[in-house]
Amino acid sequence: MAGTWKDDGLCAQIDPELWFPEKGHNAAQARRICFRCPVRAQCLAAGRYEQHGIWGGLTYHERLRYYGEQEQAA
């Protein structure tokens, strides 16, 4: 049986906290890994509405712009 796209991600063997940096901390290392990942498109789609973390190399606000959506008022 084949695994999911998550099994093929470069992040599969890395501490998940790397993709959830604390406010004000740099996510450059996570972004570098994401941009080389063979399943980046699937990850980016899966994280489309996630408000936290780096998904497909993008933050929540970057994903909103990427998908052409407007941020809802909190």
N, C-alpha and C. Protein backbone atom coordinates (compact mmCIF):
# COMPACT_ATOMS: atom_id res chain seq x y z
N MET A 1 0.85 -1.19 0.00
CA MET A 1 0.00 0.00 0.00
C MET A 1 0.89 1.25 0.00
N ALA A 2 0.57 2.17 -0.84
CA ALA A 2 1.35 3.41 -0.95
C ALA A 2 1.02 4.35 0.21
N GLY A 3 2.01 5.13 0.61
CA GLY A 3 1.81 6.10 1.69
C GLY A 3 1.11 7.34 1.17
N THR A 4 0.88 8.26 2.07
CA THR A 4 0.26 9.52 1.69
C THR A 4 1.33 10.48 1.20
N TRP A 5 0.91 11.60 0.67
CA TRP A 5 1.86 12.60 0.21
C TRP A 5 2.74 13.08 1.36
N LYS A 6 2.20 13.06 2.57
CA LYS A 6 2.97 13.49 3.74
C LYS A 6 4.19 12.61 3.96
N ASP A 7 4.08 11.34 3.64
CA ASP A 7 5.21 10.43 3.79
C ASP A 7 6.36 10.78 2.86
N ASP A 8 6.06 11.44 1.75
CA ASP A 8 7.08 11.81 0.77
C ASP A 8 7.66 13.20 1.01
N GLY A 9 7.15 13.91 2.00
CA GLY A 9 7.62 15.26 2.29
C GLY A 9 9.00 15.25 2.92
N LEU A 10 9.80 16.24 2.59
CA LEU A 10 11.13 16.35 3.19
C LEU A 10 11.04 16.59 4.68
N CYS A 11 9.90 17.06 5.14
CA CYS A 11 9.71 17.36 6.56
C CYS A 11 9.39 16.13 7.40
N ALA A 12 9.16 15.00 6.77
CA ALA A 12 8.68 13.82 7.49
C ALA A 12 9.61 13.36 8.61
N GLN A 13 10.90 13.63 8.49
CA GLN A 13 11.85 13.18 9.51
C GLN A 13 12.45 14.33 10.32
N ILE A 14 11.81 15.49 10.27
CA ILE A 14 12.34 16.67 10.94
C ILE A 14 11.36 17.10 12.03
N ASP A 15 11.88 17.66 13.09
CA ASP A 15 11.06 18.14 14.20
C ASP A 15 9.95 19.06 13.68
N PRO A 16 8.69 18.72 13.93
CA PRO A 16 7.57 19.53 13.43
C PRO A 16 7.56 20.97 13.94
N GLU A 17 8.22 21.23 15.05
CA GLU A 17 8.25 22.59 15.59
C GLU A 17 8.93 23.57 14.65
N LEU A 18 9.75 23.06 13.75
CA LEU A 18 10.42 23.92 12.78
C LEU A 18 9.39 24.66 11.92
N TRP A 19 8.25 24.03 11.67
CA TRP A 19 7.21 24.63 10.83
C TRP A 19 6.22 25.47 11.61
N PHE A 20 6.43 25.60 12.89
CA PHE A 20 5.57 26.42 13.73
C PHE A 20 6.43 27.33 14.60
N PRO A 21 7.17 28.25 13.95
CA PRO A 21 8.06 29.14 14.72
C PRO A 21 7.25 30.09 15.59
N GLU A 22 7.83 30.44 16.71
CA GLU A 22 7.19 31.41 17.59
C GLU A 22 7.17 32.77 16.90
N LYS A 23 6.20 33.58 17.27
CA LYS A 23 6.07 34.91 16.67
C LYS A 23 7.39 35.67 16.79
N GLY A 24 7.81 36.23 15.68
CA GLY A 24 9.04 36.98 15.64
C GLY A 24 10.28 36.16 15.33
N HIS A 25 10.14 34.83 15.27
CA HIS A 25 11.27 33.98 14.95
C HIS A 25 11.33 33.71 13.45
N ASN A 26 12.51 33.46 12.98
CA ASN A 26 12.76 33.26 11.57
C ASN A 26 12.37 31.85 11.12
N ALA A 27 11.68 31.75 10.00
CA ALA A 27 11.28 30.47 9.43
C ALA A 27 12.08 30.13 8.17
N ALA A 28 13.23 30.75 8.01
CA ALA A 28 14.02 30.58 6.79
C ALA A 28 14.41 29.13 6.54
N GLN A 29 14.80 28.41 7.58
CA GLN A 29 15.20 27.01 7.40
C GLN A 29 14.03 26.17 6.91
N ALA A 30 12.87 26.36 7.50
CA ALA A 30 11.68 25.62 7.06
C ALA A 30 11.35 25.96 5.61
N ARG A 31 11.42 27.21 5.25
CA ARG A 31 11.12 27.64 3.88
C ARG A 31 12.08 26.99 2.88
N ARG A 32 13.37 26.95 3.22
CA ARG A 32 14.35 26.34 2.30
C ARG A 32 14.01 24.87 2.05
N ILE A 33 13.64 24.18 3.10
CA ILE A 33 13.27 22.77 2.97
C ILE A 33 12.01 22.64 2.12
N CYS A 34 11.01 23.44 2.40
CA CYS A 34 9.74 23.38 1.67
C CYS A 34 9.92 23.63 0.16
N PHE A 35 10.71 24.62 -0.17
CA PHE A 35 10.85 24.98 -1.58
C PHE A 35 11.58 23.92 -2.39
N ARG A 36 12.27 22.98 -1.73
CA ARG A 36 12.92 21.87 -2.42
C ARG A 36 12.07 20.60 -2.40
N CYS A 37 10.97 20.61 -1.71
CA CYS A 37 10.18 19.41 -1.45
C CYS A 37 9.37 18.96 -2.67
N PRO A 38 9.36 17.66 -2.95
CA PRO A 38 8.61 17.15 -4.10
C PRO A 38 7.09 17.19 -3.93
N VAL A 39 6.62 17.36 -2.70
CA VAL A 39 5.17 17.39 -2.47
C VAL A 39 4.70 18.76 -1.98
N ARG A 40 5.45 19.79 -2.34
CA ARG A 40 5.12 21.15 -1.89
C ARG A 40 3.71 21.56 -2.29
N ALA A 41 3.29 21.26 -3.50
CA ALA A 41 1.95 21.67 -3.96
C ALA A 41 0.85 21.04 -3.10
N GLN A 42 1.00 19.78 -2.75
CA GLN A 42 0.00 19.11 -1.92
C GLN A 42 -0.02 19.71 -0.52
N CYS A 43 1.15 20.01 0.01
CA CYS A 43 1.25 20.62 1.34
C CYS A 43 0.63 22.01 1.34
N LEU A 44 0.93 22.78 0.33
CA LEU A 44 0.40 24.13 0.22
C LEU A 44 -1.13 24.10 0.15
N ALA A 45 -1.68 23.15 -0.58
CA ALA A 45 -3.13 23.00 -0.67
C ALA A 45 -3.72 22.56 0.68
N ALA A 46 -3.06 21.65 1.36
CA ALA A 46 -3.55 21.15 2.64
C ALA A 46 -3.56 22.24 3.70
N GLY A 47 -2.61 23.15 3.63
CA GLY A 47 -2.50 24.21 4.62
C GLY A 47 -3.22 25.49 4.26
N ARG A 48 -4.00 25.44 3.21
CA ARG A 48 -4.65 26.64 2.69
C ARG A 48 -5.34 27.47 3.77
N TYR A 49 -6.10 26.83 4.64
CA TYR A 49 -6.87 27.56 5.64
C TYR A 49 -6.28 27.46 7.05
N GLU A 50 -5.14 26.81 7.18
CA GLU A 50 -4.48 26.71 8.48
C GLU A 50 -3.95 28.08 8.87
N GLN A 51 -4.28 28.53 10.06
CA GLN A 51 -3.88 29.86 10.50
C GLN A 51 -2.50 29.88 11.14
N HIS A 52 -1.90 28.73 11.36
CA HIS A 52 -0.60 28.67 12.01
C HIS A 52 0.34 27.80 11.21
N GLY A 53 1.59 28.15 11.25
CA GLY A 53 2.62 27.32 10.66
C GLY A 53 2.98 27.65 9.22
N ILE A 54 4.07 27.03 8.80
CA ILE A 54 4.56 27.15 7.44
C ILE A 54 4.04 25.94 6.68
N TRP A 55 3.33 26.18 5.62
CA TRP A 55 2.79 25.11 4.76
C TRP A 55 3.23 25.42 3.34
N GLY A 56 3.91 24.48 2.71
CA GLY A 56 4.38 24.71 1.35
C GLY A 56 5.34 25.89 1.25
N GLY A 57 5.97 26.24 2.36
CA GLY A 57 6.92 27.33 2.37
C GLY A 57 6.34 28.71 2.62
N LEU A 58 5.03 28.77 2.88
CA LEU A 58 4.37 30.06 3.07
C LEU A 58 3.71 30.17 4.44
N THR A 59 3.67 31.38 4.97
CA THR A 59 2.95 31.66 6.21
C THR A 59 1.45 31.76 5.89
N TYR A 60 0.66 31.87 6.92
CA TYR A 60 -0.79 32.01 6.76
C TYR A 60 -1.13 33.21 5.87
N HIS A 61 -0.56 34.36 6.16
CA HIS A 61 -0.88 35.56 5.38
C HIS A 61 -0.37 35.45 3.94
N GLU A 62 0.76 34.82 3.76
CA GLU A 62 1.26 34.60 2.40
C GLU A 62 0.35 33.65 1.63
N ARG A 63 -0.17 32.65 2.33
CA ARG A 63 -1.11 31.71 1.67
C ARG A 63 -2.39 32.43 1.27
N LEU A 64 -2.87 33.34 2.12
CA LEU A 64 -4.07 34.11 1.77
C LEU A 64 -3.85 34.87 0.47
N ARG A 65 -2.70 35.52 0.37
CA ARG A 65 -2.39 36.26 -0.86
C ARG A 65 -2.22 35.30 -2.03
N TYR A 66 -1.54 34.19 -1.79
CA TYR A 66 -1.30 33.20 -2.84
C TYR A 66 -2.63 32.72 -3.43
N TYR A 67 -3.58 32.45 -2.59
CA TYR A 67 -4.87 31.95 -3.05
C TYR A 67 -5.85 33.07 -3.40
N GLY A 68 -5.42 34.31 -3.28
CA GLY A 68 -6.27 35.44 -3.67
C GLY A 68 -7.42 35.69 -2.72
N GLU A 69 -7.25 35.29 -1.49
CA GLU A 69 -8.32 35.50 -0.51
C GLU A 69 -8.01 36.70 0.36
N GLN A 70 -9.02 37.23 0.97
CA GLN A 70 -8.83 38.34 1.89
C GLN A 70 -8.95 37.84 3.32
N GLU A 71 -8.09 38.38 4.16
CA GLU A 71 -8.12 38.00 5.57
C GLU A 71 -9.40 38.53 6.22
N GLN A 72 -10.06 37.66 6.98
CA GLN A 72 -11.26 38.08 7.69
C GLN A 72 -10.86 38.78 8.98
N ALA A 73 -11.64 39.74 9.35
CA ALA A 73 -11.35 40.48 10.58
C ALA A 73 -11.49 39.55 11.79
N ALA A 74 -10.57 39.68 12.67
CA ALA A 74 -10.56 38.82 13.86
C ALA A 74 -11.56 39.30 14.89
